[in-house]
Amino acid sequence: MKAIQTAIPDLLIIEPRVFGDDRGFFFESFNRRKFAELAGRDVDFVQDNHSRSAKNVLRGLHYQIQHPQAKLVRVVQGSVLDVAVDIRRSSPTFRQYVAVELSAENKLMLWIPEGFAHGFVVLSDTAEFLYKTTDYWYPEHERCIRWNDPTLAIDWQLQFAPALSGKDAQGKTLAEAELHD
């Protein structure tokens, strides 16, 4: 397992060491000791989530204003464009984002610390998305930044308008949103 730096130093792409042969493959998707070495901190994941979405479904940009969650995300079927936006006002990378294609084929993971809004759009016919979180989901503290906020100008690589949930369609602009300090 190795860490690949992104344009935002706190966000890391995690590349597992994959062992494969004609029977299939094996890799360690999480090792607490190795992850602490790569991320520079020991984490305690308390919740695992699994979603399945159809092509062009866009989920996000989500975060919790209280009980912020750090996430380790990956795709086990299909592919997505995964996006993390720095919403920490005091950060030198405030308002910047990183977009990474995660897929069952490339087996990459993205480490997203607290203080980031997160979302993804499905590039394949379907995708199954897994994420480990460091805090529980508190719906009363969940917030959403609009996926097409003009300040962020995220290139979602969309060919058509995305399929959104009602909640995501009502997301706030970055200027209107509650943010982390």
N, C-alpha and C. Protein backbone atom coordinates (compact mmCIF):
# COMPACT_ATOMS: atom_id res chain seq x y z
N MET A 1 0.84 -1.16 0.00
CA MET A 1 0.00 0.00 0.00
C MET A 1 0.90 1.24 0.00
N LYS A 2 0.55 2.20 -0.88
CA LYS A 2 1.32 3.43 -0.89
C LYS A 2 0.39 4.62 -1.05
N ALA A 3 0.87 5.79 -0.62
CA ALA A 3 0.11 7.03 -0.73
C ALA A 3 0.64 7.84 -1.90
N ILE A 4 -0.28 8.41 -2.66
CA ILE A 4 0.05 9.30 -3.76
C ILE A 4 -0.46 10.68 -3.39
N GLN A 5 0.43 11.66 -3.38
CA GLN A 5 0.05 13.02 -3.03
C GLN A 5 -0.86 13.61 -4.10
N THR A 6 -1.78 14.48 -3.67
CA THR A 6 -2.64 15.21 -4.59
C THR A 6 -2.28 16.69 -4.52
N ALA A 7 -2.98 17.52 -5.26
CA ALA A 7 -2.75 18.97 -5.25
C ALA A 7 -3.08 19.57 -3.89
N ILE A 8 -3.90 18.89 -3.11
CA ILE A 8 -4.21 19.32 -1.74
C ILE A 8 -3.51 18.32 -0.82
N PRO A 9 -2.49 18.77 -0.07
CA PRO A 9 -1.67 17.84 0.70
C PRO A 9 -2.43 16.91 1.66
N ASP A 10 -3.56 17.35 2.21
CA ASP A 10 -4.30 16.51 3.16
C ASP A 10 -5.07 15.38 2.49
N LEU A 11 -5.35 15.50 1.21
CA LEU A 11 -6.04 14.44 0.46
C LEU A 11 -5.01 13.50 -0.12
N LEU A 12 -5.22 12.22 0.10
CA LEU A 12 -4.27 11.22 -0.40
C LEU A 12 -4.98 10.17 -1.23
N ILE A 13 -4.38 9.81 -2.34
CA ILE A 13 -4.82 8.65 -3.10
C ILE A 13 -4.05 7.47 -2.52
N ILE A 14 -4.77 6.44 -2.14
CA ILE A 14 -4.15 5.25 -1.57
C ILE A 14 -4.19 4.15 -2.64
N GLU A 15 -3.01 3.66 -2.97
CA GLU A 15 -2.91 2.59 -3.97
C GLU A 15 -2.50 1.30 -3.27
N PRO A 16 -3.39 0.31 -3.27
CA PRO A 16 -3.04 -0.94 -2.60
C PRO A 16 -2.09 -1.77 -3.45
N ARG A 17 -1.41 -2.66 -2.79
CA ARG A 17 -0.57 -3.64 -3.50
C ARG A 17 -1.46 -4.82 -3.84
N VAL A 18 -1.65 -5.04 -5.12
CA VAL A 18 -2.58 -6.07 -5.60
C VAL A 18 -1.78 -7.29 -6.06
N PHE A 19 -2.19 -8.45 -5.58
CA PHE A 19 -1.59 -9.72 -5.98
C PHE A 19 -2.60 -10.44 -6.87
N GLY A 20 -2.23 -10.67 -8.11
CA GLY A 20 -3.16 -11.30 -9.03
C GLY A 20 -2.51 -12.40 -9.84
N ASP A 21 -3.34 -13.33 -10.26
CA ASP A 21 -2.92 -14.38 -11.17
C ASP A 21 -4.15 -14.83 -11.94
N ASP A 22 -4.06 -15.97 -12.61
CA ASP A 22 -5.19 -16.42 -13.44
C ASP A 22 -6.42 -16.80 -12.62
N ARG A 23 -6.28 -16.91 -11.32
CA ARG A 23 -7.43 -17.23 -10.45
C ARG A 23 -8.20 -15.99 -10.01
N GLY A 24 -7.56 -14.81 -10.10
CA GLY A 24 -8.20 -13.58 -9.64
C GLY A 24 -7.18 -12.69 -8.96
N PHE A 25 -7.58 -12.01 -7.90
CA PHE A 25 -6.67 -11.11 -7.20
C PHE A 25 -6.97 -11.09 -5.72
N PHE A 26 -6.01 -10.54 -4.98
CA PHE A 26 -6.14 -10.31 -3.54
C PHE A 26 -5.42 -9.02 -3.23
N PHE A 27 -6.04 -8.20 -2.36
CA PHE A 27 -5.32 -7.06 -1.81
C PHE A 27 -5.90 -6.69 -0.46
N GLU A 28 -5.06 -6.08 0.34
CA GLU A 28 -5.46 -5.61 1.66
C GLU A 28 -6.07 -4.23 1.47
N SER A 29 -7.36 -4.07 1.70
CA SER A 29 -8.02 -2.78 1.46
C SER A 29 -7.86 -1.83 2.63
N PHE A 30 -7.56 -2.35 3.81
CA PHE A 30 -7.29 -1.49 4.95
C PHE A 30 -6.42 -2.22 5.96
N ASN A 31 -5.41 -1.52 6.43
CA ASN A 31 -4.54 -2.00 7.49
C ASN A 31 -4.29 -0.78 8.37
N ARG A 32 -4.80 -0.82 9.59
CA ARG A 32 -4.76 0.36 10.46
C ARG A 32 -3.34 0.88 10.68
N ARG A 33 -2.41 0.01 10.92
CA ARG A 33 -1.02 0.41 11.16
C ARG A 33 -0.41 1.05 9.92
N LYS A 34 -0.58 0.42 8.77
CA LYS A 34 -0.03 0.96 7.52
C LYS A 34 -0.72 2.28 7.15
N PHE A 35 -2.04 2.35 7.34
CA PHE A 35 -2.77 3.56 7.02
C PHE A 35 -2.29 4.72 7.89
N ALA A 36 -2.07 4.48 9.18
CA ALA A 36 -1.57 5.52 10.10
C ALA A 36 -0.21 6.04 9.62
N GLU A 37 0.61 5.14 9.13
CA GLU A 37 1.91 5.54 8.61
C GLU A 37 1.76 6.43 7.38
N LEU A 38 0.86 6.06 6.48
CA LEU A 38 0.66 6.82 5.24
C LEU A 38 -0.02 8.17 5.47
N ALA A 39 -1.07 8.16 6.31
CA ALA A 39 -1.87 9.37 6.54
C ALA A 39 -1.30 10.27 7.63
N GLY A 40 -0.37 9.74 8.40
CA GLY A 40 0.22 10.53 9.46
C GLY A 40 -0.65 10.66 10.69
N ARG A 41 -1.62 9.79 10.81
CA ARG A 41 -2.49 9.79 11.99
C ARG A 41 -3.21 8.46 12.10
N ASP A 42 -3.50 8.08 13.33
CA ASP A 42 -4.26 6.86 13.58
C ASP A 42 -5.74 7.22 13.54
N VAL A 43 -6.52 6.47 12.82
CA VAL A 43 -7.95 6.75 12.72
C VAL A 43 -8.76 5.59 13.27
N ASP A 44 -9.93 5.92 13.74
CA ASP A 44 -10.86 4.92 14.26
C ASP A 44 -12.12 5.01 13.41
N PHE A 45 -12.26 4.10 12.45
CA PHE A 45 -13.46 4.08 11.63
C PHE A 45 -14.60 3.47 12.43
N VAL A 46 -15.77 4.12 12.39
CA VAL A 46 -16.91 3.67 13.19
C VAL A 46 -18.10 3.24 12.34
N GLN A 47 -18.06 3.53 11.05
CA GLN A 47 -19.21 3.20 10.21
C GLN A 47 -18.72 2.90 8.80
N ASP A 48 -19.27 1.86 8.18
CA ASP A 48 -19.03 1.55 6.77
C ASP A 48 -20.33 1.75 6.02
N ASN A 49 -20.25 2.39 4.86
CA ASN A 49 -21.42 2.62 4.01
C ASN A 49 -21.17 2.02 2.64
N HIS A 50 -22.26 1.60 1.99
CA HIS A 50 -22.19 0.97 0.68
C HIS A 50 -23.36 1.50 -0.13
N SER A 51 -23.07 2.09 -1.28
CA SER A 51 -24.15 2.57 -2.14
C SER A 51 -24.00 1.98 -3.53
N ARG A 52 -25.13 1.88 -4.22
CA ARG A 52 -25.14 1.47 -5.62
C ARG A 52 -25.91 2.54 -6.37
N SER A 53 -25.34 2.98 -7.47
CA SER A 53 -25.96 4.05 -8.24
C SER A 53 -25.84 3.75 -9.73
N ALA A 54 -26.77 4.32 -10.49
CA ALA A 54 -26.78 4.17 -11.94
C ALA A 54 -25.93 5.25 -12.60
N LYS A 55 -25.64 5.04 -13.87
CA LYS A 55 -24.84 5.99 -14.65
C LYS A 55 -25.43 7.40 -14.53
N ASN A 56 -24.55 8.37 -14.39
CA ASN A 56 -24.90 9.78 -14.36
C ASN A 56 -25.53 10.24 -13.04
N VAL A 57 -25.66 9.35 -12.07
CA VAL A 57 -26.12 9.78 -10.74
C VAL A 57 -24.98 10.56 -10.10
N LEU A 58 -25.32 11.72 -9.57
CA LEU A 58 -24.35 12.55 -8.87
C LEU A 58 -24.82 12.67 -7.43
N ARG A 59 -23.96 12.30 -6.51
CA ARG A 59 -24.25 12.41 -5.07
C ARG A 59 -23.27 13.41 -4.47
N GLY A 60 -23.81 14.42 -3.82
CA GLY A 60 -22.93 15.39 -3.16
C GLY A 60 -23.26 16.81 -3.55
N LEU A 61 -22.50 17.66 -3.02
CA LEU A 61 -21.30 17.60 -2.21
C LEU A 61 -21.68 17.63 -0.74
N HIS A 62 -21.47 16.54 -0.01
CA HIS A 62 -21.95 16.38 1.36
C HIS A 62 -20.84 16.56 2.39
N TYR A 63 -21.26 17.00 3.57
CA TYR A 63 -20.38 17.09 4.74
C TYR A 63 -21.25 17.29 5.97
N GLN A 64 -20.66 17.12 7.13
CA GLN A 64 -21.35 17.38 8.39
C GLN A 64 -20.70 18.58 9.05
N ILE A 65 -21.50 19.58 9.43
CA ILE A 65 -20.97 20.79 10.04
C ILE A 65 -20.55 20.53 11.48
N GLN A 66 -21.27 19.67 12.18
CA GLN A 66 -20.84 19.16 13.48
C GLN A 66 -20.63 17.67 13.31
N HIS A 67 -19.80 17.08 14.15
CA HIS A 67 -19.42 15.68 13.99
C HIS A 67 -18.86 15.43 12.59
N PRO A 68 -17.87 16.23 12.17
CA PRO A 68 -17.32 16.03 10.82
C PRO A 68 -16.75 14.62 10.65
N GLN A 69 -16.91 14.10 9.46
CA GLN A 69 -16.45 12.75 9.15
C GLN A 69 -15.25 12.80 8.22
N ALA A 70 -14.21 12.07 8.56
CA ALA A 70 -13.17 11.76 7.59
C ALA A 70 -13.62 10.47 6.91
N LYS A 71 -13.22 10.29 5.65
CA LYS A 71 -13.68 9.13 4.89
C LYS A 71 -12.54 8.50 4.11
N LEU A 72 -12.59 7.20 4.01
CA LEU A 72 -11.74 6.45 3.11
C LEU A 72 -12.70 5.78 2.12
N VAL A 73 -12.62 6.18 0.84
CA VAL A 73 -13.61 5.76 -0.14
C VAL A 73 -12.97 4.94 -1.25
N ARG A 74 -13.79 4.03 -1.81
CA ARG A 74 -13.33 3.21 -2.93
C ARG A 74 -14.53 2.66 -3.69
N VAL A 75 -14.30 2.16 -4.88
CA VAL A 75 -15.33 1.59 -5.74
C VAL A 75 -15.04 0.11 -5.91
N VAL A 76 -16.08 -0.73 -5.75
CA VAL A 76 -15.89 -2.17 -5.90
C VAL A 76 -16.55 -2.71 -7.17
N GLN A 77 -17.35 -1.89 -7.82
CA GLN A 77 -17.94 -2.28 -9.11
C GLN A 77 -18.19 -1.00 -9.90
N GLY A 78 -17.70 -0.96 -11.15
CA GLY A 78 -17.90 0.22 -11.98
C GLY A 78 -16.84 1.28 -11.75
N SER A 79 -17.20 2.53 -12.10
CA SER A 79 -16.26 3.64 -11.92
C SER A 79 -17.00 4.93 -11.64
N VAL A 80 -16.35 5.81 -10.89
CA VAL A 80 -16.91 7.11 -10.55
C VAL A 80 -15.81 8.17 -10.68
N LEU A 81 -16.24 9.41 -10.82
CA LEU A 81 -15.35 10.54 -10.63
C LEU A 81 -15.64 11.03 -9.22
N ASP A 82 -14.66 10.91 -8.35
CA ASP A 82 -14.81 11.26 -6.95
C ASP A 82 -14.21 12.65 -6.73
N VAL A 83 -14.92 13.50 -5.99
CA VAL A 83 -14.51 14.89 -5.80
C VAL A 83 -14.52 15.24 -4.32
N ALA A 84 -13.44 15.88 -3.85
CA ALA A 84 -13.35 16.39 -2.49
C ALA A 84 -12.97 17.87 -2.57
N VAL A 85 -13.74 18.71 -1.85
CA VAL A 85 -13.54 20.16 -1.86
C VAL A 85 -13.13 20.61 -0.46
N ASP A 86 -12.06 21.36 -0.38
CA ASP A 86 -11.60 21.91 0.89
C ASP A 86 -12.52 23.06 1.31
N ILE A 87 -13.27 22.85 2.40
CA ILE A 87 -14.19 23.90 2.89
C ILE A 87 -13.75 24.42 4.26
N ARG A 88 -12.45 24.34 4.53
CA ARG A 88 -11.87 24.87 5.76
C ARG A 88 -11.40 26.30 5.48
N ARG A 89 -12.11 27.27 6.02
CA ARG A 89 -11.79 28.68 5.74
C ARG A 89 -10.33 29.04 6.02
N SER A 90 -9.74 28.42 7.04
CA SER A 90 -8.36 28.76 7.43
C SER A 90 -7.31 28.02 6.61
N SER A 91 -7.72 27.17 5.71
CA SER A 91 -6.78 26.37 4.93
C SER A 91 -6.21 27.15 3.75
N PRO A 92 -4.92 26.96 3.44
CA PRO A 92 -4.36 27.61 2.25
C PRO A 92 -4.96 27.06 0.94
N THR A 93 -5.64 25.90 1.02
CA THR A 93 -6.27 25.33 -0.19
C THR A 93 -7.80 25.45 -0.13
N PHE A 94 -8.30 26.39 0.69
CA PHE A 94 -9.74 26.64 0.79
C PHE A 94 -10.33 26.87 -0.61
N ARG A 95 -11.45 26.23 -0.90
CA ARG A 95 -12.20 26.32 -2.16
C ARG A 95 -11.56 25.52 -3.30
N GLN A 96 -10.45 24.85 -3.05
CA GLN A 96 -9.86 24.02 -4.09
C GLN A 96 -10.42 22.61 -3.99
N TYR A 97 -10.38 21.90 -5.10
CA TYR A 97 -10.87 20.53 -5.10
C TYR A 97 -9.90 19.61 -5.82
N VAL A 98 -10.08 18.33 -5.52
CA VAL A 98 -9.36 17.27 -6.21
C VAL A 98 -10.41 16.32 -6.76
N ALA A 99 -10.24 15.91 -8.01
CA ALA A 99 -11.14 14.94 -8.65
C ALA A 99 -10.29 13.74 -9.09
N VAL A 100 -10.74 12.55 -8.73
CA VAL A 100 -9.99 11.33 -9.01
C VAL A 100 -10.96 10.27 -9.52
N GLU A 101 -10.58 9.58 -10.58
CA GLU A 101 -11.39 8.45 -11.01
C GLU A 101 -11.06 7.25 -10.14
N LEU A 102 -12.09 6.75 -9.48
CA LEU A 102 -11.97 5.53 -8.69
C LEU A 102 -12.76 4.45 -9.40
N SER A 103 -12.19 3.27 -9.49
CA SER A 103 -12.89 2.20 -10.19
C SER A 103 -12.55 0.84 -9.59
N ALA A 104 -13.39 -0.13 -9.92
CA ALA A 104 -13.09 -1.50 -9.52
C ALA A 104 -11.80 -1.96 -10.19
N GLU A 105 -11.55 -1.45 -11.37
CA GLU A 105 -10.35 -1.85 -12.11
C GLU A 105 -9.07 -1.27 -11.50
N ASN A 106 -9.06 0.04 -11.19
CA ASN A 106 -7.81 0.62 -10.68
C ASN A 106 -7.62 0.43 -9.18
N LYS A 107 -8.68 0.09 -8.46
CA LYS A 107 -8.63 -0.24 -7.03
C LYS A 107 -8.08 0.89 -6.14
N LEU A 108 -8.03 2.10 -6.67
CA LEU A 108 -7.55 3.24 -5.89
C LEU A 108 -8.57 3.62 -4.83
N MET A 109 -8.07 4.21 -3.75
CA MET A 109 -8.91 4.73 -2.68
C MET A 109 -8.54 6.19 -2.48
N LEU A 110 -9.47 6.97 -1.93
CA LEU A 110 -9.19 8.36 -1.62
C LEU A 110 -9.43 8.59 -0.14
N TRP A 111 -8.43 9.16 0.53
CA TRP A 111 -8.53 9.54 1.94
C TRP A 111 -8.96 11.01 1.97
N ILE A 112 -10.11 11.25 2.61
CA ILE A 112 -10.69 12.59 2.70
C ILE A 112 -10.82 12.94 4.18
N PRO A 113 -9.95 13.82 4.69
CA PRO A 113 -10.04 14.16 6.11
C PRO A 113 -11.25 15.06 6.41
N GLU A 114 -11.49 15.30 7.68
CA GLU A 114 -12.54 16.20 8.10
C GLU A 114 -12.31 17.57 7.47
N GLY A 115 -13.40 18.30 7.24
CA GLY A 115 -13.29 19.64 6.68
C GLY A 115 -13.40 19.70 5.17
N PHE A 116 -13.81 18.61 4.55
CA PHE A 116 -13.99 18.56 3.10
C PHE A 116 -15.43 18.19 2.77
N ALA A 117 -15.96 18.80 1.72
CA ALA A 117 -17.23 18.36 1.15
C ALA A 117 -16.88 17.29 0.12
N HIS A 118 -17.75 16.30 -0.02
CA HIS A 118 -17.44 15.14 -0.85
C HIS A 118 -18.62 14.77 -1.73
N GLY A 119 -18.31 14.35 -2.95
CA GLY A 119 -19.34 13.87 -3.85
C GLY A 119 -18.73 13.02 -4.95
N PHE A 120 -19.60 12.38 -5.72
CA PHE A 120 -19.12 11.60 -6.87
C PHE A 120 -20.21 11.52 -7.91
N VAL A 121 -19.78 11.27 -9.14
CA VAL A 121 -20.70 11.02 -10.24
C VAL A 121 -20.32 9.68 -10.86
N VAL A 122 -21.32 8.89 -11.21
CA VAL A 122 -21.09 7.55 -11.77
C VAL A 122 -20.79 7.65 -13.26
N LEU A 123 -19.66 7.09 -13.66
CA LEU A 123 -19.22 7.10 -15.04
C LEU A 123 -19.63 5.84 -15.81
N SER A 124 -19.76 4.73 -15.12
CA SER A 124 -20.09 3.44 -15.73
C SER A 124 -21.61 3.24 -15.69
N ASP A 125 -22.09 2.12 -16.23
CA ASP A 125 -23.54 1.85 -16.22
C ASP A 125 -24.09 1.83 -14.80
N THR A 126 -23.34 1.24 -13.88
CA THR A 126 -23.65 1.26 -12.45
C THR A 126 -22.33 1.31 -11.70
N ALA A 127 -22.40 1.66 -10.43
CA ALA A 127 -21.21 1.63 -9.59
C ALA A 127 -21.61 1.34 -8.16
N GLU A 128 -20.77 0.55 -7.50
CA GLU A 128 -20.94 0.30 -6.07
C GLU A 128 -19.78 0.97 -5.36
N PHE A 129 -20.14 1.81 -4.39
CA PHE A 129 -19.22 2.72 -3.73
C PHE A 129 -19.20 2.39 -2.25
N LEU A 130 -17.99 2.21 -1.69
CA LEU A 130 -17.83 1.91 -0.27
C LEU A 130 -17.09 3.05 0.40
N TYR A 131 -17.54 3.39 1.61
CA TYR A 131 -16.75 4.34 2.38
C TYR A 131 -16.81 4.06 3.86
N LYS A 132 -15.63 4.22 4.45
CA LYS A 132 -15.45 4.08 5.89
C LYS A 132 -15.46 5.49 6.46
N THR A 133 -16.12 5.70 7.60
CA THR A 133 -16.17 7.04 8.19
C THR A 133 -15.68 7.02 9.63
N THR A 134 -15.14 8.14 10.06
CA THR A 134 -14.60 8.27 11.41
C THR A 134 -15.62 8.79 12.42
N ASP A 135 -16.80 9.13 11.96
CA ASP A 135 -17.89 9.50 12.87
C ASP A 135 -19.19 9.01 12.25
N TYR A 136 -20.21 8.97 13.07
CA TYR A 136 -21.51 8.49 12.62
C TYR A 136 -22.23 9.55 11.79
N TRP A 137 -23.24 9.12 11.06
CA TRP A 137 -24.07 10.04 10.29
C TRP A 137 -25.08 10.69 11.22
N TYR A 138 -25.08 11.99 11.21
CA TYR A 138 -26.05 12.79 11.97
C TYR A 138 -26.82 13.64 10.97
N PRO A 139 -28.01 13.20 10.57
CA PRO A 139 -28.74 13.92 9.52
C PRO A 139 -28.99 15.40 9.85
N GLU A 140 -29.13 15.72 11.14
CA GLU A 140 -29.39 17.11 11.52
C GLU A 140 -28.16 18.00 11.30
N HIS A 141 -26.98 17.41 11.14
CA HIS A 141 -25.75 18.18 10.92
C HIS A 141 -25.25 18.08 9.48
N GLU A 142 -25.94 17.29 8.66
CA GLU A 142 -25.50 17.14 7.28
C GLU A 142 -25.82 18.40 6.49
N ARG A 143 -24.88 18.77 5.64
CA ARG A 143 -25.03 19.92 4.77
C ARG A 143 -24.66 19.50 3.35
N CYS A 144 -25.09 20.32 2.39
CA CYS A 144 -24.83 20.01 0.98
C CYS A 144 -24.50 21.30 0.23
N ILE A 145 -23.40 21.28 -0.48
CA ILE A 145 -23.03 22.38 -1.37
C ILE A 145 -23.45 21.96 -2.78
N ARG A 146 -24.01 22.89 -3.49
CA ARG A 146 -24.51 22.62 -4.84
C ARG A 146 -23.39 22.11 -5.74
N TRP A 147 -23.66 21.04 -6.43
CA TRP A 147 -22.68 20.37 -7.28
C TRP A 147 -22.13 21.28 -8.37
N ASN A 148 -22.95 22.23 -8.84
CA ASN A 148 -22.55 23.10 -9.94
C ASN A 148 -22.28 24.53 -9.48
N ASP A 149 -21.81 24.68 -8.25
CA ASP A 149 -21.50 26.00 -7.72
C ASP A 149 -20.50 26.69 -8.65
N PRO A 150 -20.82 27.90 -9.12
CA PRO A 150 -19.94 28.57 -10.08
C PRO A 150 -18.58 28.97 -9.49
N THR A 151 -18.51 29.17 -8.17
CA THR A 151 -17.23 29.51 -7.54
C THR A 151 -16.26 28.34 -7.62
N LEU A 152 -16.78 27.13 -7.45
CA LEU A 152 -15.93 25.94 -7.48
C LEU A 152 -15.61 25.51 -8.91
N ALA A 153 -16.57 25.66 -9.81
CA ALA A 153 -16.39 25.31 -11.23
C ALA A 153 -15.79 23.91 -11.40
N ILE A 154 -16.40 22.94 -10.75
CA ILE A 154 -15.92 21.56 -10.83
C ILE A 154 -16.22 20.97 -12.21
N ASP A 155 -15.23 20.36 -12.81
CA ASP A 155 -15.43 19.66 -14.08
C ASP A 155 -15.83 18.23 -13.75
N TRP A 156 -17.12 17.97 -13.78
CA TRP A 156 -17.65 16.64 -13.44
C TRP A 156 -17.58 15.67 -14.62
N GLN A 157 -17.09 16.12 -15.76
CA GLN A 157 -16.99 15.28 -16.96
C GLN A 157 -18.35 14.74 -17.39
N LEU A 158 -19.36 15.58 -17.24
CA LEU A 158 -20.73 15.18 -17.58
C LEU A 158 -21.03 15.43 -19.05
N GLN A 159 -21.78 14.50 -19.65
CA GLN A 159 -22.26 14.69 -21.01
C GLN A 159 -23.73 15.09 -21.01
N PHE A 160 -24.42 14.83 -19.89
CA PHE A 160 -25.83 15.15 -19.74
C PHE A 160 -26.05 15.72 -18.34
N ALA A 161 -27.20 16.30 -18.11
CA ALA A 161 -27.53 16.77 -16.75
C ALA A 161 -27.52 15.56 -15.82
N PRO A 162 -26.96 15.69 -14.63
CA PRO A 162 -26.88 14.54 -13.72
C PRO A 162 -28.22 14.24 -13.07
N ALA A 163 -28.36 13.00 -12.62
CA ALA A 163 -29.52 12.59 -11.81
C ALA A 163 -29.19 12.90 -10.36
N LEU A 164 -30.03 13.75 -9.74
CA LEU A 164 -29.78 14.22 -8.37
C LEU A 164 -30.92 13.81 -7.45
N SER A 165 -30.61 13.67 -6.18
CA SER A 165 -31.67 13.52 -5.18
C SER A 165 -32.29 14.90 -4.95
N GLY A 166 -33.47 14.93 -4.33
CA GLY A 166 -34.10 16.20 -4.00
C GLY A 166 -33.21 17.04 -3.10
N LYS A 167 -32.59 16.39 -2.14
CA LYS A 167 -31.69 17.07 -1.20
C LYS A 167 -30.52 17.70 -1.93
N ASP A 168 -29.91 16.95 -2.84
CA ASP A 168 -28.75 17.47 -3.56
C ASP A 168 -29.13 18.59 -4.52
N ALA A 169 -30.32 18.51 -5.10
CA ALA A 169 -30.79 19.58 -5.99
C ALA A 169 -31.00 20.89 -5.23
N GLN A 170 -31.21 20.79 -3.91
CA GLN A 170 -31.43 21.97 -3.07
C GLN A 170 -30.15 22.45 -2.37
N GLY A 171 -29.01 21.92 -2.76
CA GLY A 171 -27.75 22.31 -2.13
C GLY A 171 -27.53 23.81 -2.20
N LYS A 172 -26.76 24.32 -1.25
CA LYS A 172 -26.46 25.75 -1.19
C LYS A 172 -25.19 26.05 -1.97
N THR A 173 -25.03 27.30 -2.35
CA THR A 173 -23.77 27.71 -2.96
C THR A 173 -22.72 27.77 -1.86
N LEU A 174 -21.48 27.77 -2.24
CA LEU A 174 -20.39 27.87 -1.28
C LEU A 174 -20.54 29.15 -0.46
N ALA A 175 -20.93 30.24 -1.09
CA ALA A 175 -21.09 31.52 -0.39
C ALA A 175 -22.19 31.47 0.66
N GLU A 176 -23.22 30.66 0.46
CA GLU A 176 -24.34 30.55 1.39
C GLU A 176 -24.13 29.48 2.47
N ALA A 177 -23.24 28.56 2.21
CA ALA A 177 -23.11 27.37 3.07
C ALA A 177 -22.40 27.65 4.37
N GLU A 178 -22.78 26.87 5.40
CA GLU A 178 -22.00 26.85 6.65
C GLU A 178 -20.73 26.08 6.34
N LEU A 179 -19.59 26.62 6.77
CA LEU A 179 -18.31 26.00 6.45
C LEU A 179 -17.51 25.75 7.72
N HIS A 180 -16.46 25.00 7.59
CA HIS A 180 -15.56 24.73 8.71
C HIS A 180 -14.56 25.88 8.83
N ASP A 181 -14.07 26.13 10.04
CA ASP A 181 -13.07 27.20 10.24
C ASP A 181 -11.70 26.82 9.78
